[in-house]
Amino acid sequence: GIGSTGGGIDTTLPTLSYDQLVHDINMASKFADELHIFSLEGCVHKGYLSKLVNYTYDPSLKIDQDQVRQVRKLQRLFTFMSSVLSYPTLLLIGLLLLILFVIGLLFIILRFLVRLATRMIH
C-alpha cells in the first residue's frame, strides 16, 4: 500500500505530491506485483487519478541496496517485536525467569566471594 494522498481517515496529515506518489509507485513496483494506493478519494480530489490511468512505470529507477538492507533490518525488528508483544504472558514469564537467573547468578558469585574472603582471612 502507498499513501497518504489525502481525503482519507485524517485529512490533517501531510499528503504526498504527485511526484512523490509516482516515485513511491516506481519504488514499490520493483518489489510487488500489485500496488494499492491510499486514498483513492484523495487521488480524485487532487487530480492524480486521471494522470495515473495512463501512467507507465519508470524501469530506469535505481534501487539503493543499502536502503533496502536497512529497511529489511527494520522489518525483521518490527516482526520480532510484534511477535513478542503478541504474547504478553510469555514475555512476562520470560522476563521473570531472566530476573531470577540474574539474581541466582549474583547470589552464586557473592557466595563465592564471601568464601574466598573467609579463606584469605584464615
PDB file of N, CA and C in Angstrom:
ATOM      1  N   GLY A   1       0.813  -1.183   0.000  1.00  0.00           N
ATOM      2  CA  GLY A   1       0.000   0.000   0.000  1.00  0.00           C
ATOM      3  C   GLY A   1       0.856   1.245   0.000  1.00  0.00           C
ATOM      4  N   ILE A   2       0.422   2.262  -0.696  1.00  0.00           N
ATOM      5  CA  ILE A   2       1.118   3.543  -0.777  1.00  0.00           C
ATOM      6  C   ILE A   2       0.159   4.619  -0.315  1.00  0.00           C
ATOM      7  N   GLY A   3       0.599   5.563   0.477  1.00  0.00           N
ATOM      8  CA  GLY A   3      -0.284   6.654   0.908  1.00  0.00           C
ATOM      9  C   GLY A   3       0.491   7.588   1.789  1.00  0.00           C
ATOM     10  N   SER A   4      -0.079   8.638   2.217  1.00  0.00           N
ATOM     11  CA  SER A   4      -1.455   9.024   2.018  1.00  0.00           C
ATOM     12  C   SER A   4      -1.511  10.183   1.027  1.00  0.00           C
ATOM     13  N   THR A   5      -2.483  10.119   0.144  1.00  0.00           N
ATOM     14  CA  THR A   5      -2.678  11.169  -0.848  1.00  0.00           C
ATOM     15  C   THR A   5      -3.756  12.133  -0.398  1.00  0.00           C
ATOM     16  N   GLY A   6      -4.245  11.956   0.820  1.00  0.00           N
ATOM     17  CA  GLY A   6      -5.256  12.860   1.375  1.00  0.00           C
ATOM     18  C   GLY A   6      -6.654  12.342   1.115  1.00  0.00           C
ATOM     19  N   GLY A   7      -7.622  12.905   1.827  1.00  0.00           N
ATOM     20  CA  GLY A   7      -9.015  12.524   1.629  1.00  0.00           C
ATOM     21  C   GLY A   7      -9.402  11.263   2.357  1.00  0.00           C
ATOM     22  N   GLY A   8      -8.490  10.742   3.174  1.00  0.00           N
ATOM     23  CA  GLY A   8      -8.773   9.502   3.882  1.00  0.00           C
ATOM     24  C   GLY A   8      -9.237   9.758   5.291  1.00  0.00           C
ATOM     25  N   ILE A   9      -8.741   8.979   6.199  1.00  0.00           N
ATOM     26  CA  ILE A   9      -9.193   8.991   7.582  1.00  0.00           C
ATOM     27  C   ILE A   9      -8.880  10.310   8.277  1.00  0.00           C
ATOM     28  N   ASP A  10      -7.657  10.781   8.199  1.00  0.00           N
ATOM     29  CA  ASP A  10      -7.266  12.016   8.875  1.00  0.00           C
ATOM     30  C   ASP A  10      -6.748  13.001   7.838  1.00  0.00           C
ATOM     31  N   THR A  11      -7.558  13.961   7.468  1.00  0.00           N
ATOM     32  CA  THR A  11      -7.196  14.907   6.413  1.00  0.00           C
ATOM     33  C   THR A  11      -6.232  15.982   6.893  1.00  0.00           C
ATOM     34  N   THR A  12      -5.858  15.976   8.183  1.00  0.00           N
ATOM     35  CA  THR A  12      -4.901  16.971   8.675  1.00  0.00           C
ATOM     36  C   THR A  12      -3.460  16.518   8.499  1.00  0.00           C
ATOM     37  N   LEU A  13      -3.256  15.243   8.167  1.00  0.00           N
ATOM     38  CA  LEU A  13      -1.898  14.728   7.978  1.00  0.00           C
ATOM     39  C   LEU A  13      -1.312  15.235   6.670  1.00  0.00           C
ATOM     40  N   PRO A  14       0.021  15.349   6.590  1.00  0.00           N
ATOM     41  CA  PRO A  14       0.639  15.750   5.327  1.00  0.00           C
ATOM     42  C   PRO A  14       0.342  14.718   4.237  1.00  0.00           C
ATOM     43  N   THR A  15       0.227  15.189   3.005  1.00  0.00           N
ATOM     44  CA  THR A  15      -0.092  14.282   1.896  1.00  0.00           C
ATOM     45  C   THR A  15       1.049  14.263   0.888  1.00  0.00           C
ATOM     46  N   LEU A  16       1.033  13.236   0.052  1.00  0.00           N
ATOM     47  CA  LEU A  16       2.043  13.108  -0.991  1.00  0.00           C
ATOM     48  C   LEU A  16       1.714  14.020  -2.171  1.00  0.00           C
ATOM     49  N   SER A  17       2.779  14.590  -2.744  1.00  0.00           N
ATOM     50  CA  SER A  17       2.599  15.301  -4.007  1.00  0.00           C
ATOM     51  C   SER A  17       2.511  14.246  -5.114  1.00  0.00           C
ATOM     52  N   TYR A  18       2.137  14.660  -6.314  1.00  0.00           N
ATOM     53  CA  TYR A  18       2.055  13.699  -7.415  1.00  0.00           C
ATOM     54  C   TYR A  18       3.433  13.089  -7.679  1.00  0.00           C
ATOM     55  N   ASP A  19       4.479  13.915  -7.679  1.00  0.00           N
ATOM     56  CA  ASP A  19       5.834  13.404  -7.928  1.00  0.00           C
ATOM     57  C   ASP A  19       6.264  12.405  -6.852  1.00  0.00           C
ATOM     58  N   GLN A  20       5.910  12.683  -5.591  1.00  0.00           N
ATOM     59  CA  GLN A  20       6.237  11.746  -4.510  1.00  0.00           C
ATOM     60  C   GLN A  20       5.471  10.440  -4.686  1.00  0.00           C
ATOM     61  N   LEU A  21       4.207  10.537  -5.060  1.00  0.00           N
ATOM     62  CA  LEU A  21       3.390   9.352  -5.273  1.00  0.00           C
ATOM     63  C   LEU A  21       3.961   8.498  -6.400  1.00  0.00           C
ATOM     64  N   VAL A  22       4.310   9.134  -7.510  1.00  0.00           N
ATOM     65  CA  VAL A  22       4.871   8.409  -8.658  1.00  0.00           C
ATOM     66  C   VAL A  22       6.207   7.769  -8.272  1.00  0.00           C
ATOM     67  N   HIS A  23       7.018   8.484  -7.509  1.00  0.00           N
ATOM     68  CA  HIS A  23       8.298   7.922  -7.058  1.00  0.00           C
ATOM     69  C   HIS A  23       8.050   6.672  -6.213  1.00  0.00           C
ATOM     70  N   ASP A  24       7.114   6.775  -5.274  1.00  0.00           N
ATOM     71  CA  ASP A  24       6.801   5.629  -4.418  1.00  0.00           C
ATOM     72  C   ASP A  24       6.229   4.465  -5.226  1.00  0.00           C
ATOM     73  N   ILE A  25       5.419   4.760  -6.228  1.00  0.00           N
ATOM     74  CA  ILE A  25       4.875   3.709  -7.095  1.00  0.00           C
ATOM     75  C   ILE A  25       6.010   3.002  -7.829  1.00  0.00           C
ATOM     76  N   ASN A  26       6.947   3.782  -8.369  1.00  0.00           N
ATOM     77  CA  ASN A  26       8.093   3.187  -9.069  1.00  0.00           C
ATOM     78  C   ASN A  26       8.920   2.314  -8.128  1.00  0.00           C
ATOM     79  N   MET A  27       9.167   2.810  -6.913  1.00  0.00           N
ATOM     80  CA  MET A  27       9.953   2.043  -5.950  1.00  0.00           C
ATOM     81  C   MET A  27       9.212   0.745  -5.583  1.00  0.00           C
ATOM     82  N   ALA A  28       7.932   0.858  -5.265  1.00  0.00           N
ATOM     83  CA  ALA A  28       7.153  -0.307  -4.842  1.00  0.00           C
ATOM     84  C   ALA A  28       7.007  -1.323  -5.971  1.00  0.00           C
ATOM     85  N   SER A  29       6.964  -0.845  -7.197  1.00  0.00           N
ATOM     86  CA  SER A  29       6.781  -1.764  -8.331  1.00  0.00           C
ATOM     87  C   SER A  29       7.965  -2.703  -8.495  1.00  0.00           C
ATOM     88  N   LYS A  30       9.106  -2.343  -7.934  1.00  0.00           N
ATOM     89  CA  LYS A  30      10.289  -3.216  -8.004  1.00  0.00           C
ATOM     90  C   LYS A  30      10.160  -4.403  -7.048  1.00  0.00           C
ATOM     91  N   PHE A  31       9.259  -4.278  -6.052  1.00  0.00           N
ATOM     92  CA  PHE A  31       9.155  -5.291  -5.007  1.00  0.00           C
ATOM     93  C   PHE A  31       7.805  -5.991  -4.953  1.00  0.00           C
ATOM     94  N   ALA A  32       6.808  -5.489  -5.699  1.00  0.00           N
ATOM     95  CA  ALA A  32       5.461  -6.064  -5.592  1.00  0.00           C
ATOM     96  C   ALA A  32       4.801  -6.128  -6.958  1.00  0.00           C
ATOM     97  N   ASP A  33       3.956  -7.136  -7.143  1.00  0.00           N
ATOM     98  CA  ASP A  33       3.212  -7.266  -8.398  1.00  0.00           C
ATOM     99  C   ASP A  33       1.929  -6.442  -8.373  1.00  0.00           C
ATOM    100  N   GLU A  34       1.450  -6.156  -7.186  1.00  0.00           N
ATOM    101  CA  GLU A  34       0.181  -5.450  -7.045  1.00  0.00           C
ATOM    102  C   GLU A  34       0.375  -4.299  -6.053  1.00  0.00           C
ATOM    103  N   LEU A  35      -0.109  -3.111  -6.431  1.00  0.00           N
ATOM    104  CA  LEU A  35       0.026  -1.929  -5.572  1.00  0.00           C
ATOM    105  C   LEU A  35      -1.350  -1.400  -5.199  1.00  0.00           C
ATOM    106  N   HIS A  36      -1.461  -0.887  -3.985  1.00  0.00           N
ATOM    107  CA  HIS A  36      -2.694  -0.271  -3.512  1.00  0.00           C
ATOM    108  C   HIS A  36      -2.378   1.152  -3.082  1.00  0.00           C
ATOM    109  N   ILE A  37      -3.194   2.093  -3.513  1.00  0.00           N
ATOM    110  CA  ILE A  37      -2.972   3.495  -3.172  1.00  0.00           C
ATOM    111  C   ILE A  37      -4.024   3.942  -2.163  1.00  0.00           C
ATOM    112  N   PHE A  38      -3.551   4.520  -1.060  1.00  0.00           N
ATOM    113  CA  PHE A  38      -4.446   5.089  -0.056  1.00  0.00           C
ATOM    114  C   PHE A  38      -4.272   6.592  -0.124  1.00  0.00           C
ATOM    115  N   SER A  39      -5.245   7.360  -0.404  1.00  0.00           N
ATOM    116  CA  SER A  39      -6.631   7.012  -0.588  1.00  0.00           C
ATOM    117  C   SER A  39      -7.062   7.396  -2.004  1.00  0.00           C
ATOM    118  N   LEU A  40      -7.937   6.619  -2.548  1.00  0.00           N
ATOM    119  CA  LEU A  40      -8.445   6.870  -3.893  1.00  0.00           C
ATOM    120  C   LEU A  40      -9.181   8.204  -3.946  1.00  0.00           C
ATOM    121  N   GLU A  41      -9.928   8.517  -2.874  1.00  0.00           N
ATOM    122  CA  GLU A  41     -10.665   9.787  -2.835  1.00  0.00           C
ATOM    123  C   GLU A  41      -9.713  10.967  -2.916  1.00  0.00           C
ATOM    124  N   GLY A  42      -8.584  10.843  -2.228  1.00  0.00           N
ATOM    125  CA  GLY A  42      -7.587  11.903  -2.268  1.00  0.00           C
ATOM    126  C   GLY A  42      -6.989  12.067  -3.653  1.00  0.00           C
ATOM    127  N   CYS A  43      -6.771  10.945  -4.340  1.00  0.00           N
ATOM    128  CA  CYS A  43      -6.236  10.998  -5.708  1.00  0.00           C
ATOM    129  C   CYS A  43      -7.209  11.702  -6.641  1.00  0.00           C
ATOM    130  N   VAL A  44      -8.492  11.397  -6.495  1.00  0.00           N
ATOM    131  CA  VAL A  44      -9.508  12.043  -7.328  1.00  0.00           C
ATOM    132  C   VAL A  44      -9.560  13.535  -7.010  1.00  0.00           C
ATOM    133  N   HIS A  45      -9.599  13.862  -5.719  1.00  0.00           N
ATOM    134  CA  HIS A  45      -9.700  15.259  -5.288  1.00  0.00           C
ATOM    135  C   HIS A  45      -8.519  16.099  -5.786  1.00  0.00           C
ATOM    136  N   LYS A  46      -7.327  15.529  -5.769  1.00  0.00           N
ATOM    137  CA  LYS A  46      -6.135  16.270  -6.172  1.00  0.00           C
ATOM    138  C   LYS A  46      -5.863  16.193  -7.675  1.00  0.00           C
ATOM    139  N   GLY A  47      -6.661  15.425  -8.410  1.00  0.00           N
ATOM    140  CA  GLY A  47      -6.466  15.316  -9.853  1.00  0.00           C
ATOM    141  C   GLY A  47      -5.403  14.308 -10.255  1.00  0.00           C
ATOM    142  N   TYR A  48      -4.991  13.451  -9.338  1.00  0.00           N
ATOM    143  CA  TYR A  48      -3.954  12.466  -9.639  1.00  0.00           C
ATOM    144  C   TYR A  48      -4.498  11.289 -10.445  1.00  0.00           C
ATOM    145  N   LEU A  49      -5.740  10.936 -10.229  1.00  0.00           N
ATOM    146  CA  LEU A  49      -6.275   9.715 -10.826  1.00  0.00           C
ATOM    147  C   LEU A  49      -6.230   9.758 -12.344  1.00  0.00           C
ATOM    148  N   SER A  50      -6.589  10.884 -12.929  1.00  0.00           N
ATOM    149  CA  SER A  50      -6.568  10.974 -14.393  1.00  0.00           C
ATOM    150  C   SER A  50      -5.144  10.826 -14.933  1.00  0.00           C
ATOM    151  N   LYS A  51      -4.154  11.295 -14.174  1.00  0.00           N
ATOM    152  CA  LYS A  51      -2.752  11.129 -14.590  1.00  0.00           C
ATOM    153  C   LYS A  51      -2.297   9.685 -14.408  1.00  0.00           C
ATOM    154  N   LEU A  52      -2.771   9.049 -13.331  1.00  0.00           N
ATOM    155  CA  LEU A  52      -2.334   7.684 -13.025  1.00  0.00           C
ATOM    156  C   LEU A  52      -2.905   6.652 -13.993  1.00  0.00           C
ATOM    157  N   VAL A  53      -4.073   6.943 -14.603  1.00  0.00           N
ATOM    158  CA  VAL A  53      -4.700   5.996 -15.524  1.00  0.00           C
ATOM    159  C   VAL A  53      -3.755   5.663 -16.675  1.00  0.00           C
ATOM    160  N   ASN A  54      -3.037   6.649 -17.178  1.00  0.00           N
ATOM    161  CA  ASN A  54      -2.146   6.442 -18.321  1.00  0.00           C
ATOM    162  C   ASN A  54      -0.670   6.362 -17.915  1.00  0.00           C
ATOM    163  N   TYR A  55      -0.407   6.270 -16.639  1.00  0.00           N
ATOM    164  CA  TYR A  55       0.973   6.256 -16.157  1.00  0.00           C
ATOM    165  C   TYR A  55       1.650   4.930 -16.475  1.00  0.00           C
ATOM    166  N   THR A  56       2.900   4.984 -16.919  1.00  0.00           N
ATOM    167  CA  THR A  56       3.705   3.778 -17.112  1.00  0.00           C
ATOM    168  C   THR A  56       4.895   3.856 -16.160  1.00  0.00           C
ATOM    169  N   TYR A  57       5.250   2.722 -15.609  1.00  0.00           N
ATOM    170  CA  TYR A  57       6.347   2.667 -14.652  1.00  0.00           C
ATOM    171  C   TYR A  57       7.658   3.044 -15.302  1.00  0.00           C
ATOM    172  N   ASP A  58       8.538   3.621 -14.522  1.00  0.00           N
ATOM    173  CA  ASP A  58       9.858   4.023 -14.985  1.00  0.00           C
ATOM    174  C   ASP A  58      10.855   2.914 -14.645  1.00  0.00           C
ATOM    175  N   PRO A  59      11.231   2.080 -15.624  1.00  0.00           N
ATOM    176  CA  PRO A  59      12.134   0.965 -15.334  1.00  0.00           C
ATOM    177  C   PRO A  59      13.564   1.411 -15.051  1.00  0.00           C
ATOM    178  N   SER A  60      13.912   2.663 -15.335  1.00  0.00           N
ATOM    179  CA  SER A  60      15.287   3.126 -15.134  1.00  0.00           C
ATOM    180  C   SER A  60      15.581   3.484 -13.682  1.00  0.00           C
ATOM    181  N   LEU A  61      14.579   3.474 -12.825  1.00  0.00           N
ATOM    182  CA  LEU A  61      14.781   3.822 -11.421  1.00  0.00           C
ATOM    183  C   LEU A  61      15.742   2.833 -10.771  1.00  0.00           C
ATOM    184  N   LYS A  62      16.760   3.354 -10.125  1.00  0.00           N
ATOM    185  CA  LYS A  62      17.757   2.510  -9.460  1.00  0.00           C
ATOM    186  C   LYS A  62      17.425   2.425  -7.973  1.00  0.00           C
ATOM    187  N   ILE A  63      17.567   1.244  -7.447  1.00  0.00           N
ATOM    188  CA  ILE A  63      17.291   0.989  -6.041  1.00  0.00           C
ATOM    189  C   ILE A  63      18.610   1.008  -5.270  1.00  0.00           C
ATOM    190  N   ASP A  64      18.656   1.776  -4.182  1.00  0.00           N
ATOM    191  CA  ASP A  64      19.831   1.828  -3.309  1.00  0.00           C
ATOM    192  C   ASP A  64      19.806   0.592  -2.405  1.00  0.00           C
ATOM    193  N   GLN A  65      20.730  -0.327  -2.634  1.00  0.00           N
ATOM    194  CA  GLN A  65      20.739  -1.591  -1.906  1.00  0.00           C
ATOM    195  C   GLN A  65      20.998  -1.403  -0.416  1.00  0.00           C
ATOM    196  N   ASP A  66      21.739  -0.348  -0.037  1.00  0.00           N
ATOM    197  CA  ASP A  66      21.942  -0.078   1.388  1.00  0.00           C
ATOM    198  C   ASP A  66      20.617   0.277   2.060  1.00  0.00           C
ATOM    199  N   GLN A  67      19.798   1.060   1.374  1.00  0.00           N
ATOM    200  CA  GLN A  67      18.488   1.397   1.928  1.00  0.00           C
ATOM    201  C   GLN A  67      17.611   0.159   2.035  1.00  0.00           C
ATOM    202  N   VAL A  68      17.686  -0.712   1.041  1.00  0.00           N
ATOM    203  CA  VAL A  68      16.896  -1.944   1.065  1.00  0.00           C
ATOM    204  C   VAL A  68      17.309  -2.791   2.268  1.00  0.00           C
ATOM    205  N   ARG A  69      18.616  -2.915   2.511  1.00  0.00           N
ATOM    206  CA  ARG A  69      19.094  -3.686   3.663  1.00  0.00           C
ATOM    207  C   ARG A  69      18.619  -3.061   4.975  1.00  0.00           C
ATOM    208  N   GLN A  70      18.676  -1.738   5.068  1.00  0.00           N
ATOM    209  CA  GLN A  70      18.225  -1.057   6.285  1.00  0.00           C
ATOM    210  C   GLN A  70      16.734  -1.292   6.516  1.00  0.00           C
ATOM    211  N   VAL A  71      15.953  -1.188   5.454  1.00  0.00           N
ATOM    212  CA  VAL A  71      14.512  -1.404   5.580  1.00  0.00           C
ATOM    213  C   VAL A  71      14.231  -2.850   5.980  1.00  0.00           C
ATOM    214  N   ARG A  72      14.944  -3.795   5.410  1.00  0.00           N
ATOM    215  CA  ARG A  72      14.722  -5.205   5.757  1.00  0.00           C
ATOM    216  C   ARG A  72      15.093  -5.479   7.213  1.00  0.00           C
ATOM    217  N   LYS A  73      16.163  -4.834   7.708  1.00  0.00           N
ATOM    218  CA  LYS A  73      16.508  -4.970   9.125  1.00  0.00           C
ATOM    219  C   LYS A  73      15.373  -4.447   9.997  1.00  0.00           C
ATOM    220  N   LEU A  74      14.842  -3.286   9.632  1.00  0.00           N
ATOM    221  CA  LEU A  74      13.723  -2.725  10.389  1.00  0.00           C
ATOM    222  C   LEU A  74      12.503  -3.638  10.331  1.00  0.00           C
ATOM    223  N   GLN A  75      12.242  -4.211   9.153  1.00  0.00           N
ATOM    224  CA  GLN A  75      11.113  -5.133   9.020  1.00  0.00           C
ATOM    225  C   GLN A  75      11.277  -6.330   9.944  1.00  0.00           C
ATOM    226  N   ARG A  76      12.492  -6.895   9.984  1.00  0.00           N
ATOM    227  CA  ARG A  76      12.734  -8.046  10.859  1.00  0.00           C
ATOM    228  C   ARG A  76      12.564  -7.648  12.329  1.00  0.00           C
ATOM    229  N   LEU A  77      13.059  -6.455  12.687  1.00  0.00           N
ATOM    230  CA  LEU A  77      12.924  -5.986  14.062  1.00  0.00           C
ATOM    231  C   LEU A  77      11.453  -5.808  14.432  1.00  0.00           C
ATOM    232  N   PHE A  78      10.676  -5.156  13.557  1.00  0.00           N
ATOM    233  CA  PHE A  78       9.257  -4.946  13.829  1.00  0.00           C
ATOM    234  C   PHE A  78       8.491  -6.264  13.872  1.00  0.00           C
ATOM    235  N   THR A  79       8.853  -7.197  13.001  1.00  0.00           N
ATOM    236  CA  THR A  79       8.205  -8.507  13.002  1.00  0.00           C
ATOM    237  C   THR A  79       8.496  -9.230  14.309  1.00  0.00           C
ATOM    238  N   PHE A  80       9.754  -9.193  14.748  1.00  0.00           N
ATOM    239  CA  PHE A  80      10.136  -9.828  16.002  1.00  0.00           C
ATOM    240  C   PHE A  80       9.404  -9.186  17.175  1.00  0.00           C
ATOM    241  N   MET A  81       9.417  -7.853  17.235  1.00  0.00           N
ATOM    242  CA  MET A  81       8.758  -7.149  18.336  1.00  0.00           C
ATOM    243  C   MET A  81       7.252  -7.420  18.331  1.00  0.00           C
ATOM    244  N   SER A  82       6.661  -7.469  17.160  1.00  0.00           N
ATOM    245  CA  SER A  82       5.238  -7.758  17.058  1.00  0.00           C
ATOM    246  C   SER A  82       4.938  -9.166  17.565  1.00  0.00           C
ATOM    247  N   SER A  83       5.789 -10.108  17.207  1.00  0.00           N
ATOM    248  CA  SER A  83       5.600 -11.492  17.667  1.00  0.00           C
ATOM    249  C   SER A  83       5.729 -11.577  19.183  1.00  0.00           C
ATOM    250  N   VAL A  84       6.749 -10.923  19.724  1.00  0.00           N
ATOM    251  CA  VAL A  84       6.976 -10.961  21.168  1.00  0.00           C
ATOM    252  C   VAL A  84       5.819 -10.304  21.903  1.00  0.00           C
ATOM    253  N   LEU A  85       5.397  -9.148  21.424  1.00  0.00           N
ATOM    254  CA  LEU A  85       4.336  -8.414  22.100  1.00  0.00           C
ATOM    255  C   LEU A  85       2.958  -9.045  21.898  1.00  0.00           C
ATOM    256  N   SER A  86       2.853  -9.980  20.965  1.00  0.00           N
ATOM    257  CA  SER A  86       1.586 -10.683  20.756  1.00  0.00           C
ATOM    258  C   SER A  86       1.306 -11.680  21.876  1.00  0.00           C
ATOM    259  N   TYR A  87       2.334 -12.011  22.645  1.00  0.00           N
ATOM    260  CA  TYR A  87       2.208 -12.973  23.739  1.00  0.00           C
ATOM    261  C   TYR A  87       2.727 -12.345  25.029  1.00  0.00           C
ATOM    262  N   PRO A  88       1.985 -11.390  25.597  1.00  0.00           N
ATOM    263  CA  PRO A  88       2.488 -10.681  26.780  1.00  0.00           C
ATOM    264  C   PRO A  88       2.720 -11.593  27.986  1.00  0.00           C
ATOM    265  N   THR A  89       1.937 -12.639  28.136  1.00  0.00           N
ATOM    266  CA  THR A  89       2.134 -13.551  29.266  1.00  0.00           C
ATOM    267  C   THR A  89       3.484 -14.241  29.152  1.00  0.00           C
ATOM    268  N   LEU A  90       3.796 -14.735  27.967  1.00  0.00           N
ATOM    269  CA  LEU A  90       5.094 -15.390  27.765  1.00  0.00           C
ATOM    270  C   LEU A  90       6.231 -14.394  27.938  1.00  0.00           C
ATOM    271  N   LEU A  91       6.021 -13.158  27.499  1.00  0.00           N
ATOM    272  CA  LEU A  91       7.034 -12.126  27.658  1.00  0.00           C
ATOM    273  C   LEU A  91       7.308 -11.879  29.133  1.00  0.00           C
ATOM    274  N   LEU A  92       6.249 -11.748  29.926  1.00  0.00           N
ATOM    275  CA  LEU A  92       6.418 -11.511  31.356  1.00  0.00           C
ATOM    276  C   LEU A  92       7.070 -12.708  32.048  1.00  0.00           C
ATOM    277  N   ILE A  93       6.681 -13.907  31.675  1.00  0.00           N
ATOM    278  CA  ILE A  93       7.295 -15.106  32.251  1.00  0.00           C
ATOM    279  C   ILE A  93       8.782 -15.150  31.884  1.00  0.00           C
ATOM    280  N   GLY A  94       9.094 -14.841  30.628  1.00  0.00           N
ATOM    281  CA  GLY A  94      10.486 -14.815  30.192  1.00  0.00           C
ATOM    282  C   GLY A  94      11.303 -13.776  30.946  1.00  0.00           C
ATOM    283  N   LEU A  95      10.732 -12.586  31.146  1.00  0.00           N
ATOM    284  CA  LEU A  95      11.436 -11.552  31.907  1.00  0.00           C
ATOM    285  C   LEU A  95      11.628 -11.986  33.361  1.00  0.00           C
ATOM    286  N   LEU A  96      10.613 -12.590  33.949  1.00  0.00           N
ATOM    287  CA  LEU A  96      10.718 -13.076  35.325  1.00  0.00           C
ATOM    288  C   LEU A  96      11.816 -14.129  35.438  1.00  0.00           C
ATOM    289  N   LEU A  97      11.852 -15.070  34.503  1.00  0.00           N
ATOM    290  CA  LEU A  97      12.892 -16.094  34.522  1.00  0.00           C
ATOM    291  C   LEU A  97      14.280 -15.478  34.358  1.00  0.00           C
ATOM    292  N   LEU A  98      14.393 -14.475  33.506  1.00  0.00           N
ATOM    293  CA  LEU A  98      15.678 -13.803  33.314  1.00  0.00           C
ATOM    294  C   LEU A  98      16.114 -13.103  34.600  1.00  0.00           C
ATOM    295  N   ILE A  99      15.186 -12.429  35.254  1.00  0.00           N
ATOM    296  CA  ILE A  99      15.500 -11.740  36.514  1.00  0.00           C
ATOM    297  C   ILE A  99      15.918 -12.747  37.578  1.00  0.00           C
ATOM    298  N   LEU A 100      15.187 -13.850  37.668  1.00  0.00           N
ATOM    299  CA  LEU A 100      15.546 -14.886  38.637  1.00  0.00           C
ATOM    300  C   LEU A 100      16.913 -15.479  38.330  1.00  0.00           C
ATOM    301  N   PHE A 101      17.217 -15.678  37.068  1.00  0.00           N
ATOM    302  CA  PHE A 101      18.526 -16.194  36.667  1.00  0.00           C
ATOM    303  C   PHE A 101      19.633 -15.235  37.080  1.00  0.00           C
ATOM    304  N   VAL A 102      19.446 -13.940  36.818  1.00  0.00           N
ATOM    305  CA  VAL A 102      20.452 -12.936  37.170  1.00  0.00           C
ATOM    306  C   VAL A 102      20.632 -12.878  38.689  1.00  0.00           C
ATOM    307  N   ILE A 103      19.533 -12.901  39.441  1.00  0.00           N
ATOM    308  CA  ILE A 103      19.627 -12.887  40.908  1.00  0.00           C
ATOM    309  C   ILE A 103      20.359 -14.133  41.404  1.00  0.00           C
ATOM    310  N   GLY A 104      20.031 -15.290  40.845  1.00  0.00           N
ATOM    311  CA  GLY A 104      20.714 -16.531  41.219  1.00  0.00           C
ATOM    312  C   GLY A 104      22.199 -16.464  40.907  1.00  0.00           C
ATOM    313  N   LEU A 105      22.534 -15.936  39.745  1.00  0.00           N
ATOM    314  CA  LEU A 105      23.929 -15.808  39.356  1.00  0.00           C
ATOM    315  C   LEU A 105      24.668 -14.854  40.295  1.00  0.00           C
ATOM    316  N   LEU A 106      24.037 -13.750  40.638  1.00  0.00           N
ATOM    317  CA  LEU A 106      24.650 -12.811  41.583  1.00  0.00           C
ATOM    318  C   LEU A 106      24.830 -13.452  42.961  1.00  0.00           C
ATOM    319  N   PHE A 107      23.858 -14.242  43.393  1.00  0.00           N
ATOM    320  CA  PHE A 107      23.960 -14.942  44.669  1.00  0.00           C
ATOM    321  C   PHE A 107      25.149 -15.898  44.660  1.00  0.00           C
ATOM    322  N   ILE A 108      25.309 -16.664  43.591  1.00  0.00           N
ATOM    323  CA  ILE A 108      26.422 -17.617  43.489  1.00  0.00           C
ATOM    324  C   ILE A 108      27.757 -16.877  43.502  1.00  0.00           C
ATOM    325  N   ILE A 109      27.849 -15.790  42.763  1.00  0.00           N
ATOM    326  CA  ILE A 109      29.087 -15.007  42.729  1.00  0.00           C
ATOM    327  C   ILE A 109      29.387 -14.422  44.103  1.00  0.00           C
ATOM    328  N   LEU A 110      28.376 -13.866  44.754  1.00  0.00           N
ATOM    329  CA  LEU A 110      28.556 -13.285  46.081  1.00  0.00           C
ATOM    330  C   LEU A 110      28.986 -14.352  47.089  1.00  0.00           C
ATOM    331  N   ARG A 111      28.357 -15.521  47.050  1.00  0.00           N
ATOM    332  CA  ARG A 111      28.725 -16.621  47.951  1.00  0.00           C
ATOM    333  C   ARG A 111      30.163 -17.052  47.711  1.00  0.00           C
ATOM    334  N   PHE A 112      30.570 -17.123  46.446  1.00  0.00           N
ATOM    335  CA  PHE A 112      31.949 -17.484  46.114  1.00  0.00           C
ATOM    336  C   PHE A 112      32.917 -16.450  46.667  1.00  0.00           C
ATOM    337  N   LEU A 113      32.591 -15.161  46.514  1.00  0.00           N
ATOM    338  CA  LEU A 113      33.474 -14.102  47.002  1.00  0.00           C
ATOM    339  C   LEU A 113      33.578 -14.114  48.523  1.00  0.00           C
ATOM    340  N   VAL A 114      32.466 -14.378  49.214  1.00  0.00           N
ATOM    341  CA  VAL A 114      32.485 -14.452  50.674  1.00  0.00           C
ATOM    342  C   VAL A 114      33.367 -15.611  51.127  1.00  0.00           C
ATOM    343  N   ARG A 115      33.222 -16.774  50.505  1.00  0.00           N
ATOM    344  CA  ARG A 115      34.058 -17.935  50.846  1.00  0.00           C
ATOM    345  C   ARG A 115      35.530 -17.641  50.565  1.00  0.00           C
ATOM    346  N   LEU A 116      35.800 -16.982  49.449  1.00  0.00           N
ATOM    347  CA  LEU A 116      37.177 -16.648  49.113  1.00  0.00           C
ATOM    348  C   LEU A 116      37.769 -15.673  50.141  1.00  0.00           C
ATOM    349  N   ALA A 117      36.980 -14.686  50.525  1.00  0.00           N
ATOM    350  CA  ALA A 117      37.449 -13.719  51.522  1.00  0.00           C
ATOM    351  C   ALA A 117      37.654 -14.405  52.864  1.00  0.00           C
ATOM    352  N   THR A 118      36.778 -15.331  53.240  1.00  0.00           N
ATOM    353  CA  THR A 118      36.909 -16.063  54.508  1.00  0.00           C
ATOM    354  C   THR A 118      38.175 -16.882  54.508  1.00  0.00           C
ATOM    355  N   ARG A 119      38.488 -17.530  53.425  1.00  0.00           N
ATOM    356  CA  ARG A 119      39.727 -18.347  53.325  1.00  0.00           C
ATOM    357  C   ARG A 119      40.958 -17.462  53.406  1.00  0.00           C
ATOM    358  N   MET A 120      40.884 -16.273  52.808  1.00  0.00           N
ATOM    359  CA  MET A 120      42.049 -15.383  52.830  1.00  0.00           C
ATOM    360  C   MET A 120      42.301 -14.844  54.228  1.00  0.00           C
ATOM    361  N   ILE A 121      41.243 -14.659  55.009  1.00  0.00           N
ATOM    362  CA  ILE A 121      41.390 -14.157  56.376  1.00  0.00           C
ATOM    363  C   ILE A 121      42.023 -15.214  57.263  1.00  0.00           C
ATOM    364  N   HIS A 122      41.647 -16.464  57.086  1.00  0.00           N
ATOM    365  CA  HIS A 122      42.179 -17.559  57.920  1.00  0.00           C
ATOM    366  C   HIS A 122      43.498 -17.963  57.406  1.00  0.00           C
TER     367      HIS A 122
END
